[in-house]
């Protein structure tokens, strides 16, 4: 795990440097660079905190999954609305993308929760809420995460497989729905804008973005007991990357935005931290 942590630290440092350079080339204001840097520092703290303490908590995984769903419900009720989409919560001058923060927890809980029949139905509800948020990238990412965990664990009960099928259908529904939000050059259109202005930097930013799931794949290979959760998180990030490559959605971590950077740190903490306690018996 030490080698994986060193690789991840190098990937994080290179991604931050490329991100600051790319969003600057794409026309981001100076305050965006400051926010991006502060978010990276905070993400390191989140990764360390989650890795050291959170995994040792005696969570009931169905409660954790339900809390993720509740956060999405509250966003739909009271979140920031842009062109009909409600994906963000306002924290002072900042707007955080709720799905970025809650989906790593939800994917982690689903991957470890096959012993509790309550987890999968709640995960299907989360997939439905993502459709109502008009967030096709997150719908795709969550469907891929559920599919990866289910294929690894191959549970005998039908409910998790039905959950994957429902999430896949909802993700398809989200993608065929027109996206009316305009693209921001240093958020959604980052790679195109950067490549047009500086081809070498554009290629580097693209390679680093595609490499974001690599630490999770390495953990899945090195730690078989964490394979389901690591591959679920790798699939989650692959879905967010695909959302940017094939749709009008933010470039995760490399594009401007605090929430994806915090989410990556959170995801890393979940798989690189200490051993997690077993979920309490279902009651």
C-alpha atoms as a PDB file:
ATOM      1  CA  UNK A   1       0.000   0.000   0.000  1.00  0.00           C
ATOM      2  CA  UNK A   2       2.946   2.334   0.563  1.00  0.00           C
ATOM      3  CA  UNK A   3       3.830   2.246  -3.121  1.00  0.00           C
ATOM      4  CA  UNK A   4       0.203   2.949  -4.039  1.00  0.00           C
ATOM      5  CA  UNK A   5       0.107   5.914  -1.657  1.00  0.00           C
ATOM      6  CA  UNK A   6       3.323   7.320  -3.169  1.00  0.00           C
ATOM      7  CA  UNK A   7       1.925   6.888  -6.687  1.00  0.00           C
ATOM      8  CA  UNK A   8      -1.316   8.582  -5.625  1.00  0.00           C
ATOM      9  CA  UNK A   9       0.572  11.502  -4.069  1.00  0.00           C
ATOM     10  CA  UNK A  10       2.516  11.998  -7.297  1.00  0.00           C
ATOM     11  CA  UNK A  11      -0.661  11.784  -9.389  1.00  0.00           C
ATOM     12  CA  UNK A  12      -2.381  14.308  -7.105  1.00  0.00           C
ATOM     13  CA  UNK A  13       0.526  16.780  -7.292  1.00  0.00           C
ATOM     14  CA  UNK A  14       0.755  16.497 -11.073  1.00  0.00           C
ATOM     15  CA  UNK A  15      -3.018  16.844 -11.442  1.00  0.00           C
ATOM     16  CA  UNK A  16      -3.121  19.988  -9.311  1.00  0.00           C
ATOM     17  CA  UNK A  17      -0.274  21.608 -11.259  1.00  0.00           C
ATOM     18  CA  UNK A  18      -1.878  20.702 -14.593  1.00  0.00           C
ATOM     19  CA  UNK A  19      -5.288  21.849 -13.371  1.00  0.00           C
ATOM     20  CA  UNK A  20      -4.046  25.282 -12.309  1.00  0.00           C
ATOM     21  CA  UNK A  21      -2.215  25.721 -15.604  1.00  0.00           C
ATOM     22  CA  UNK A  22      -5.115  24.441 -17.716  1.00  0.00           C
ATOM     23  CA  UNK A  23      -7.891  26.494 -16.131  1.00  0.00           C
ATOM     24  CA  UNK A  24      -5.666  29.562 -16.337  1.00  0.00           C
ATOM     25  CA  UNK A  25      -5.078  28.950 -20.063  1.00  0.00           C
ATOM     26  CA  UNK A  26      -8.821  28.352 -20.515  1.00  0.00           C
ATOM     27  CA  UNK A  27      -9.586  31.798 -19.103  1.00  0.00           C
ATOM     28  CA  UNK A  28     -10.361  31.240 -15.418  1.00  0.00           C
ATOM     29  CA  UNK A  29     -10.184  34.331 -13.182  1.00  0.00           C
ATOM     30  CA  UNK A  30      -7.521  34.551 -10.476  1.00  0.00           C
ATOM     31  CA  UNK A  31      -9.950  33.768  -7.661  1.00  0.00           C
ATOM     32  CA  UNK A  32     -10.744  30.442  -9.377  1.00  0.00           C
ATOM     33  CA  UNK A  33      -7.081  29.471  -9.107  1.00  0.00           C
ATOM     34  CA  UNK A  34      -7.150  30.293  -5.398  1.00  0.00           C
ATOM     35  CA  UNK A  35     -10.297  28.229  -4.834  1.00  0.00           C
ATOM     36  CA  UNK A  36      -8.803  25.315  -6.777  1.00  0.00           C
ATOM     37  CA  UNK A  37      -5.634  25.367  -4.684  1.00  0.00           C
ATOM     38  CA  UNK A  38      -7.493  25.636  -1.381  1.00  0.00           C
ATOM     39  CA  UNK A  39      -9.792  22.783  -2.410  1.00  0.00           C
ATOM     40  CA  UNK A  40      -6.742  20.605  -3.087  1.00  0.00           C
ATOM     41  CA  UNK A  41      -5.309  21.336   0.353  1.00  0.00           C
ATOM     42  CA  UNK A  42      -8.661  20.568   1.958  1.00  0.00           C
ATOM     43  CA  UNK A  43      -8.943  17.346  -0.082  1.00  0.00           C
ATOM     44  CA  UNK A  44      -5.640  16.129   1.382  1.00  0.00           C
ATOM     45  CA  UNK A  45      -7.018  16.748   4.859  1.00  0.00           C
ATOM     46  CA  UNK A  46     -10.261  14.948   3.978  1.00  0.00           C
ATOM     47  CA  UNK A  47      -8.357  11.938   2.626  1.00  0.00           C
ATOM     48  CA  UNK A  48      -6.223  11.692   5.760  1.00  0.00           C
ATOM     49  CA  UNK A  49      -9.185  12.161   8.084  1.00  0.00           C
ATOM     50  CA  UNK A  50     -11.353   9.590   6.336  1.00  0.00           C
ATOM     51  CA  UNK A  51      -8.475   7.141   6.056  1.00  0.00           C
ATOM     52  CA  UNK A  52      -7.584   7.370   9.730  1.00  0.00           C
ATOM     53  CA  UNK A  53     -10.938   7.643  11.473  1.00  0.00           C
ATOM     54  CA  UNK A  54     -14.028   7.207   9.305  1.00  0.00           C
ATOM     55  CA  UNK A  55     -13.383   3.657   8.125  1.00  0.00           C
ATOM     56  CA  UNK A  56     -13.105   2.506  11.746  1.00  0.00           C
ATOM     57  CA  UNK A  57     -16.586   3.776  12.577  1.00  0.00           C
ATOM     58  CA  UNK A  58     -19.231   1.139  13.206  1.00  0.00           C
ATOM     59  CA  UNK A  59     -21.579   2.291  10.437  1.00  0.00           C
ATOM     60  CA  UNK A  60     -24.884   0.749   9.555  1.00  0.00           C
ATOM     61  CA  UNK A  61     -24.482   0.847   5.819  1.00  0.00           C
ATOM     62  CA  UNK A  62     -28.181   1.214   5.016  1.00  0.00           C
ATOM     63  CA  UNK A  63     -28.287   4.344   7.222  1.00  0.00           C
ATOM     64  CA  UNK A  64     -25.266   5.757   5.401  1.00  0.00           C
ATOM     65  CA  UNK A  65     -26.894   5.084   2.023  1.00  0.00           C
ATOM     66  CA  UNK A  66     -30.139   6.666   3.201  1.00  0.00           C
ATOM     67  CA  UNK A  67     -28.226   9.763   4.365  1.00  0.00           C
ATOM     68  CA  UNK A  68     -26.768  10.099   0.857  1.00  0.00           C
ATOM     69  CA  UNK A  69     -30.264   9.916  -0.620  1.00  0.00           C
ATOM     70  CA  UNK A  70     -31.529  12.500   1.870  1.00  0.00           C
ATOM     71  CA  UNK A  71     -28.774  14.914   0.838  1.00  0.00           C
ATOM     72  CA  UNK A  72     -29.929  14.639  -2.779  1.00  0.00           C
ATOM     73  CA  UNK A  73     -33.568  15.162  -1.746  1.00  0.00           C
ATOM     74  CA  UNK A  74     -32.639  18.311   0.185  1.00  0.00           C
ATOM     75  CA  UNK A  75     -30.707  19.558  -2.839  1.00  0.00           C
ATOM     76  CA  UNK A  76     -33.759  19.045  -5.046  1.00  0.00           C
ATOM     77  CA  UNK A  77     -35.906  20.924  -2.529  1.00  0.00           C
ATOM     78  CA  UNK A  78     -33.604  23.789  -1.564  1.00  0.00           C
ATOM     79  CA  UNK A  79     -30.591  23.659  -3.879  1.00  0.00           C
ATOM     80  CA  UNK A  80     -29.345  26.136  -6.439  1.00  0.00           C
ATOM     81  CA  UNK A  81     -31.271  25.880  -9.720  1.00  0.00           C
ATOM     82  CA  UNK A  82     -29.641  26.566 -13.096  1.00  0.00           C
ATOM     83  CA  UNK A  83     -31.640  26.073 -16.300  1.00  0.00           C
ATOM     84  CA  UNK A  84     -33.934  23.631 -14.503  1.00  0.00           C
ATOM     85  CA  UNK A  85     -31.118  21.533 -13.001  1.00  0.00           C
ATOM     86  CA  UNK A  86     -30.746  21.359  -9.216  1.00  0.00           C
ATOM     87  CA  UNK A  87     -27.380  19.787  -8.508  1.00  0.00           C
ATOM     88  CA  UNK A  88     -25.737  22.250  -6.145  1.00  0.00           C
ATOM     89  CA  UNK A  89     -25.953  23.569  -2.604  1.00  0.00           C
ATOM     90  CA  UNK A  90     -24.800  27.081  -1.760  1.00  0.00           C
ATOM     91  CA  UNK A  91     -22.157  27.512   0.930  1.00  0.00           C
ATOM     92  CA  UNK A  92     -21.711  31.261   1.047  1.00  0.00           C
ATOM     93  CA  UNK A  93     -20.186  32.323  -2.287  1.00  0.00           C
ATOM     94  CA  UNK A  94     -19.384  28.711  -3.240  1.00  0.00           C
ATOM     95  CA  UNK A  95     -21.712  26.207  -4.882  1.00  0.00           C
ATOM     96  CA  UNK A  96     -20.919  22.555  -4.179  1.00  0.00           C
ATOM     97  CA  UNK A  97     -22.067  19.749  -6.436  1.00  0.00           C
ATOM     98  CA  UNK A  98     -23.920  17.474  -4.023  1.00  0.00           C
ATOM     99  CA  UNK A  99     -23.559  14.236  -5.998  1.00  0.00           C
ATOM    100  CA  UNK A 100     -19.774  14.579  -6.012  1.00  0.00           C
ATOM    101  CA  UNK A 101     -19.743  14.500  -2.212  1.00  0.00           C
ATOM    102  CA  UNK A 102     -22.352  11.808  -1.529  1.00  0.00           C
ATOM    103  CA  UNK A 103     -21.828   9.286  -4.347  1.00  0.00           C
ATOM    104  CA  UNK A 104     -18.424   8.016  -3.094  1.00  0.00           C
ATOM    105  CA  UNK A 105     -20.100   7.194   0.227  1.00  0.00           C
ATOM    106  CA  UNK A 106     -23.084   5.624  -1.529  1.00  0.00           C
ATOM    107  CA  UNK A 107     -20.907   3.495  -3.840  1.00  0.00           C
ATOM    108  CA  UNK A 108     -18.748   2.404  -0.891  1.00  0.00           C
ATOM    109  CA  UNK A 109     -21.789   1.472   1.198  1.00  0.00           C
ATOM    110  CA  UNK A 110     -23.395  -0.460  -1.654  1.00  0.00           C
ATOM    111  CA  UNK A 111     -20.175  -2.403  -2.324  1.00  0.00           C
ATOM    112  CA  UNK A 112     -19.978  -3.480   1.314  1.00  0.00           C
ATOM    113  CA  UNK A 113     -23.699  -3.830   1.974  1.00  0.00           C
ATOM    114  CA  UNK A 114     -24.747  -6.986   0.149  1.00  0.00           C
ATOM    115  CA  UNK A 115     -25.473  -8.628   3.491  1.00  0.00           C
ATOM    116  CA  UNK A 116     -28.167  -6.039   4.199  1.00  0.00           C
ATOM    117  CA  UNK A 117     -31.166  -6.199   1.858  1.00  0.00           C
ATOM    118  CA  UNK A 118     -32.070  -2.579   2.608  1.00  0.00           C
ATOM    119  CA  UNK A 119     -28.990  -1.082   0.922  1.00  0.00           C
ATOM    120  CA  UNK A 120     -29.763  -1.948  -2.724  1.00  0.00           C
ATOM    121  CA  UNK A 121     -33.313  -0.497  -2.825  1.00  0.00           C
ATOM    122  CA  UNK A 122     -32.042   2.753  -1.326  1.00  0.00           C
ATOM    123  CA  UNK A 123     -29.276   2.823  -3.953  1.00  0.00           C
ATOM    124  CA  UNK A 124     -31.937   2.476  -6.665  1.00  0.00           C
ATOM    125  CA  UNK A 125     -33.735   5.466  -5.140  1.00  0.00           C
ATOM    126  CA  UNK A 126     -30.493   7.468  -5.318  1.00  0.00           C
ATOM    127  CA  UNK A 127     -30.270   6.628  -9.032  1.00  0.00           C
ATOM    128  CA  UNK A 128     -33.795   7.977  -9.479  1.00  0.00           C
ATOM    129  CA  UNK A 129     -32.936  11.194  -7.623  1.00  0.00           C
ATOM    130  CA  UNK A 130     -29.934  11.739  -9.915  1.00  0.00           C
ATOM    131  CA  UNK A 131     -32.286  11.590 -12.896  1.00  0.00           C
ATOM    132  CA  UNK A 132     -34.425  14.355 -11.357  1.00  0.00           C
ATOM    133  CA  UNK A 133     -31.288  16.434 -10.796  1.00  0.00           C
ATOM    134  CA  UNK A 134     -30.691  16.339 -14.587  1.00  0.00           C
ATOM    135  CA  UNK A 135     -27.184  15.007 -13.962  1.00  0.00           C
ATOM    136  CA  UNK A 136     -26.443  12.453 -16.673  1.00  0.00           C
ATOM    137  CA  UNK A 137     -22.742  12.207 -15.809  1.00  0.00           C
ATOM    138  CA  UNK A 138     -23.475  11.280 -12.191  1.00  0.00           C
ATOM    139  CA  UNK A 139     -26.277   8.929 -13.281  1.00  0.00           C
ATOM    140  CA  UNK A 140     -23.843   7.083 -15.527  1.00  0.00           C
ATOM    141  CA  UNK A 141     -21.094   7.101 -12.887  1.00  0.00           C
ATOM    142  CA  UNK A 142     -23.360   5.672 -10.178  1.00  0.00           C
ATOM    143  CA  UNK A 143     -24.785   2.994 -12.487  1.00  0.00           C
ATOM    144  CA  UNK A 144     -21.253   1.888 -13.381  1.00  0.00           C
ATOM    145  CA  UNK A 145     -20.270   1.827  -9.698  1.00  0.00           C
ATOM    146  CA  UNK A 146     -23.244  -0.375  -8.799  1.00  0.00           C
ATOM    147  CA  UNK A 147     -22.538  -2.691 -11.739  1.00  0.00           C
ATOM    148  CA  UNK A 148     -18.842  -3.052 -10.836  1.00  0.00           C
ATOM    149  CA  UNK A 149     -19.565  -3.917  -7.195  1.00  0.00           C
ATOM    150  CA  UNK A 150     -22.313  -6.370  -8.120  1.00  0.00           C
ATOM    151  CA  UNK A 151     -20.196  -8.149 -10.736  1.00  0.00           C
ATOM    152  CA  UNK A 152     -17.371  -8.552  -8.218  1.00  0.00           C
ATOM    153  CA  UNK A 153     -19.512  -9.825  -5.356  1.00  0.00           C
ATOM    154  CA  UNK A 154     -22.001 -11.769  -7.525  1.00  0.00           C
ATOM    155  CA  UNK A 155     -24.687 -11.880  -4.806  1.00  0.00           C
ATOM    156  CA  UNK A 156     -27.265 -14.641  -5.010  1.00  0.00           C
ATOM    157  CA  UNK A 157     -30.195 -12.393  -4.172  1.00  0.00           C
ATOM    158  CA  UNK A 158     -32.035 -10.754  -7.060  1.00  0.00           C
ATOM    159  CA  UNK A 159     -32.391  -7.258  -5.558  1.00  0.00           C
ATOM    160  CA  UNK A 160     -28.840  -5.967  -6.275  1.00  0.00           C
ATOM    161  CA  UNK A 161     -29.036  -7.122  -9.908  1.00  0.00           C
ATOM    162  CA  UNK A 162     -32.416  -5.418 -10.258  1.00  0.00           C
ATOM    163  CA  UNK A 163     -30.889  -2.270  -8.746  1.00  0.00           C
ATOM    164  CA  UNK A 164     -28.155  -2.303 -11.402  1.00  0.00           C
ATOM    165  CA  UNK A 165     -30.730  -2.708 -14.180  1.00  0.00           C
ATOM    166  CA  UNK A 166     -32.825   0.167 -12.810  1.00  0.00           C
ATOM    167  CA  UNK A 167     -29.776   2.427 -12.468  1.00  0.00           C
ATOM    168  CA  UNK A 168     -28.714   1.620 -16.035  1.00  0.00           C
ATOM    169  CA  UNK A 169     -32.166   2.463 -17.425  1.00  0.00           C
ATOM    170  CA  UNK A 170     -32.267   5.713 -15.451  1.00  0.00           C
ATOM    171  CA  UNK A 171     -28.781   6.637 -16.680  1.00  0.00           C
ATOM    172  CA  UNK A 172     -29.954   6.060 -20.254  1.00  0.00           C
ATOM    173  CA  UNK A 173     -32.968   8.269 -19.571  1.00  0.00           C
ATOM    174  CA  UNK A 174     -30.702  10.998 -18.203  1.00  0.00           C
ATOM    175  CA  UNK A 175     -28.459  10.915 -21.288  1.00  0.00           C
ATOM    176  CA  UNK A 176     -31.237  11.138 -23.842  1.00  0.00           C
ATOM    177  CA  UNK A 177     -32.665  14.182 -22.070  1.00  0.00           C
ATOM    178  CA  UNK A 178     -31.305  17.444 -23.589  1.00  0.00           C
ATOM    179  CA  UNK A 179     -28.829  19.349 -21.413  1.00  0.00           C
ATOM    180  CA  UNK A 180     -29.627  23.060 -21.487  1.00  0.00           C
ATOM    181  CA  UNK A 181     -26.768  24.269 -19.280  1.00  0.00           C
ATOM    182  CA  UNK A 182     -24.140  26.307 -21.147  1.00  0.00           C
ATOM    183  CA  UNK A 183     -20.562  25.037 -21.041  1.00  0.00           C
ATOM    184  CA  UNK A 184     -17.992  27.075 -19.105  1.00  0.00           C
ATOM    185  CA  UNK A 185     -14.584  26.931 -20.881  1.00  0.00           C
ATOM    186  CA  UNK A 186     -12.523  26.170 -17.752  1.00  0.00           C
ATOM    187  CA  UNK A 187     -15.078  23.720 -16.296  1.00  0.00           C
ATOM    188  CA  UNK A 188     -16.914  21.651 -18.912  1.00  0.00           C
ATOM    189  CA  UNK A 189     -14.895  22.684 -21.974  1.00  0.00           C
ATOM    190  CA  UNK A 190     -11.498  22.534 -20.299  1.00  0.00           C
ATOM    191  CA  UNK A 191      -9.744  19.959 -22.485  1.00  0.00           C
ATOM    192  CA  UNK A 192     -10.849  21.481 -25.787  1.00  0.00           C
ATOM    193  CA  UNK A 193      -9.958  25.019 -24.724  1.00  0.00           C
ATOM    194  CA  UNK A 194      -6.599  23.976 -23.265  1.00  0.00           C
ATOM    195  CA  UNK A 195      -5.651  21.858 -26.273  1.00  0.00           C
ATOM    196  CA  UNK A 196      -6.538  24.709 -28.638  1.00  0.00           C
ATOM    197  CA  UNK A 197      -4.346  27.153 -26.708  1.00  0.00           C
ATOM    198  CA  UNK A 198      -1.546  24.789 -25.649  1.00  0.00           C
ATOM    199  CA  UNK A 199      -1.636  21.274 -27.205  1.00  0.00           C
ATOM    200  CA  UNK A 200       1.003  19.725 -24.916  1.00  0.00           C
ATOM    201  CA  UNK A 201      -0.769  20.931 -21.801  1.00  0.00           C
ATOM    202  CA  UNK A 202      -4.102  19.797 -23.215  1.00  0.00           C
ATOM    203  CA  UNK A 203      -2.797  16.269 -23.810  1.00  0.00           C
ATOM    204  CA  UNK A 204      -1.219  16.174 -20.339  1.00  0.00           C
ATOM    205  CA  UNK A 205      -4.458  17.310 -18.690  1.00  0.00           C
ATOM    206  CA  UNK A 206      -6.401  14.662 -20.602  1.00  0.00           C
ATOM    207  CA  UNK A 207      -3.980  11.876 -19.631  1.00  0.00           C
ATOM    208  CA  UNK A 208      -4.046  12.893 -15.962  1.00  0.00           C
ATOM    209  CA  UNK A 209      -7.838  13.044 -15.931  1.00  0.00           C
ATOM    210  CA  UNK A 210      -8.112   9.567 -17.443  1.00  0.00           C
ATOM    211  CA  UNK A 211      -5.620   8.327 -14.814  1.00  0.00           C
ATOM    212  CA  UNK A 212      -7.810   9.389 -11.864  1.00  0.00           C
ATOM    213  CA  UNK A 213      -9.278   5.860 -11.338  1.00  0.00           C
ATOM    214  CA  UNK A 214      -5.773   4.294 -11.326  1.00  0.00           C
ATOM    215  CA  UNK A 215      -5.247   4.315  -7.523  1.00  0.00           C
ATOM    216  CA  UNK A 216      -8.517   2.448  -7.011  1.00  0.00           C
ATOM    217  CA  UNK A 217      -7.563  -0.163  -9.607  1.00  0.00           C
ATOM    218  CA  UNK A 218      -4.212  -0.647  -7.873  1.00  0.00           C
ATOM    219  CA  UNK A 219      -5.912  -1.116  -4.505  1.00  0.00           C
ATOM    220  CA  UNK A 220      -8.326  -3.632  -6.050  1.00  0.00           C
ATOM    221  CA  UNK A 221      -5.349  -5.670  -7.267  1.00  0.00           C
ATOM    222  CA  UNK A 222      -3.273  -5.377  -4.080  1.00  0.00           C
ATOM    223  CA  UNK A 223      -6.044  -5.813  -1.490  1.00  0.00           C
ATOM    224  CA  UNK A 224      -8.603  -8.480  -2.475  1.00  0.00           C
ATOM    225  CA  UNK A 225     -10.701  -7.758   0.632  1.00  0.00           C
ATOM    226  CA  UNK A 226     -11.278  -4.231  -0.713  1.00  0.00           C
ATOM    227  CA  UNK A 227     -11.793  -5.212  -4.343  1.00  0.00           C
ATOM    228  CA  UNK A 228     -15.539  -4.551  -4.521  1.00  0.00           C
ATOM    229  CA  UNK A 229     -15.389  -1.073  -2.992  1.00  0.00           C
ATOM    230  CA  UNK A 230     -12.197  -0.112  -4.881  1.00  0.00           C
ATOM    231  CA  UNK A 231     -13.627  -1.179  -8.249  1.00  0.00           C
ATOM    232  CA  UNK A 232     -16.935   0.531  -7.461  1.00  0.00           C
ATOM    233  CA  UNK A 233     -15.074   3.794  -6.862  1.00  0.00           C
ATOM    234  CA  UNK A 234     -12.916   3.274  -9.961  1.00  0.00           C
ATOM    235  CA  UNK A 235     -16.098   2.808 -12.009  1.00  0.00           C
ATOM    236  CA  UNK A 236     -17.668   5.876 -10.381  1.00  0.00           C
ATOM    237  CA  UNK A 237     -14.749   8.041 -11.488  1.00  0.00           C
ATOM    238  CA  UNK A 238     -14.658   6.435 -14.928  1.00  0.00           C
ATOM    239  CA  UNK A 239     -18.306   7.461 -15.326  1.00  0.00           C
ATOM    240  CA  UNK A 240     -17.601  11.061 -14.364  1.00  0.00           C
ATOM    241  CA  UNK A 241     -14.679  11.126 -16.813  1.00  0.00           C
ATOM    242  CA  UNK A 242     -16.891   9.723 -19.574  1.00  0.00           C
ATOM    243  CA  UNK A 243     -19.452  12.417 -18.773  1.00  0.00           C
ATOM    244  CA  UNK A 244     -16.874  15.054 -19.623  1.00  0.00           C
ATOM    245  CA  UNK A 245     -15.505  13.279 -22.691  1.00  0.00           C
ATOM    246  CA  UNK A 246     -18.888  12.532 -24.267  1.00  0.00           C
ATOM    247  CA  UNK A 247     -21.179  15.176 -22.793  1.00  0.00           C
ATOM    248  CA  UNK A 248     -21.405  18.719 -21.497  1.00  0.00           C
ATOM    249  CA  UNK A 249     -20.219  17.950 -17.948  1.00  0.00           C
ATOM    250  CA  UNK A 250     -17.273  19.123 -15.800  1.00  0.00           C
ATOM    251  CA  UNK A 251     -13.783  17.708 -16.225  1.00  0.00           C
ATOM    252  CA  UNK A 252     -13.392  15.989 -12.837  1.00  0.00           C
ATOM    253  CA  UNK A 253     -10.520  17.293 -10.677  1.00  0.00           C
ATOM    254  CA  UNK A 254      -8.697  18.892 -13.642  1.00  0.00           C
ATOM    255  CA  UNK A 255     -11.510  21.355 -14.384  1.00  0.00           C
ATOM    256  CA  UNK A 256     -12.438  24.156 -12.035  1.00  0.00           C
ATOM    257  CA  UNK A 257     -14.603  23.096  -9.112  1.00  0.00           C
ATOM    258  CA  UNK A 258     -14.050  22.366  -5.427  1.00  0.00           C
ATOM    259  CA  UNK A 259     -16.519  19.482  -5.102  1.00  0.00           C
ATOM    260  CA  UNK A 260     -14.805  17.016  -7.510  1.00  0.00           C
ATOM    261  CA  UNK A 261     -11.436  17.624  -5.860  1.00  0.00           C
ATOM    262  CA  UNK A 262     -12.919  17.023  -2.418  1.00  0.00           C
ATOM    263  CA  UNK A 263     -14.701  13.936  -3.777  1.00  0.00           C
ATOM    264  CA  UNK A 264     -11.448  12.483  -5.104  1.00  0.00           C
ATOM    265  CA  UNK A 265      -9.763  13.002  -1.742  1.00  0.00           C
ATOM    266  CA  UNK A 266     -12.761  11.448  -0.010  1.00  0.00           C
ATOM    267  CA  UNK A 267     -12.731   8.456  -2.367  1.00  0.00           C
ATOM    268  CA  UNK A 268      -9.025   7.902  -1.799  1.00  0.00           C
ATOM    269  CA  UNK A 269      -9.491   8.025   1.957  1.00  0.00           C
ATOM    270  CA  UNK A 270     -12.174   5.341   1.729  1.00  0.00           C
ATOM    271  CA  UNK A 271      -9.901   2.796   0.013  1.00  0.00           C
ATOM    272  CA  UNK A 272      -6.439   3.755   1.283  1.00  0.00           C
ATOM    273  CA  UNK A 273      -7.309   4.044   4.969  1.00  0.00           C
ATOM    274  CA  UNK A 274      -7.170   1.531   7.792  1.00  0.00           C
ATOM    275  CA  UNK A 275      -9.423  -1.509   8.053  1.00  0.00           C
ATOM    276  CA  UNK A 276     -13.112  -0.820   8.404  1.00  0.00           C
ATOM    277  CA  UNK A 277     -15.204  -2.445  11.112  1.00  0.00           C
ATOM    278  CA  UNK A 278     -17.807  -4.924  10.016  1.00  0.00           C
ATOM    279  CA  UNK A 279     -21.325  -3.606   9.617  1.00  0.00           C
ATOM    280  CA  UNK A 280     -23.462  -4.473  12.648  1.00  0.00           C
ATOM    281  CA  UNK A 281     -25.828  -7.392  12.274  1.00  0.00           C
ATOM    282  CA  UNK A 282     -29.057  -6.535  10.476  1.00  0.00           C
ATOM    283  CA  UNK A 283     -31.804  -5.895  12.987  1.00  0.00           C
END
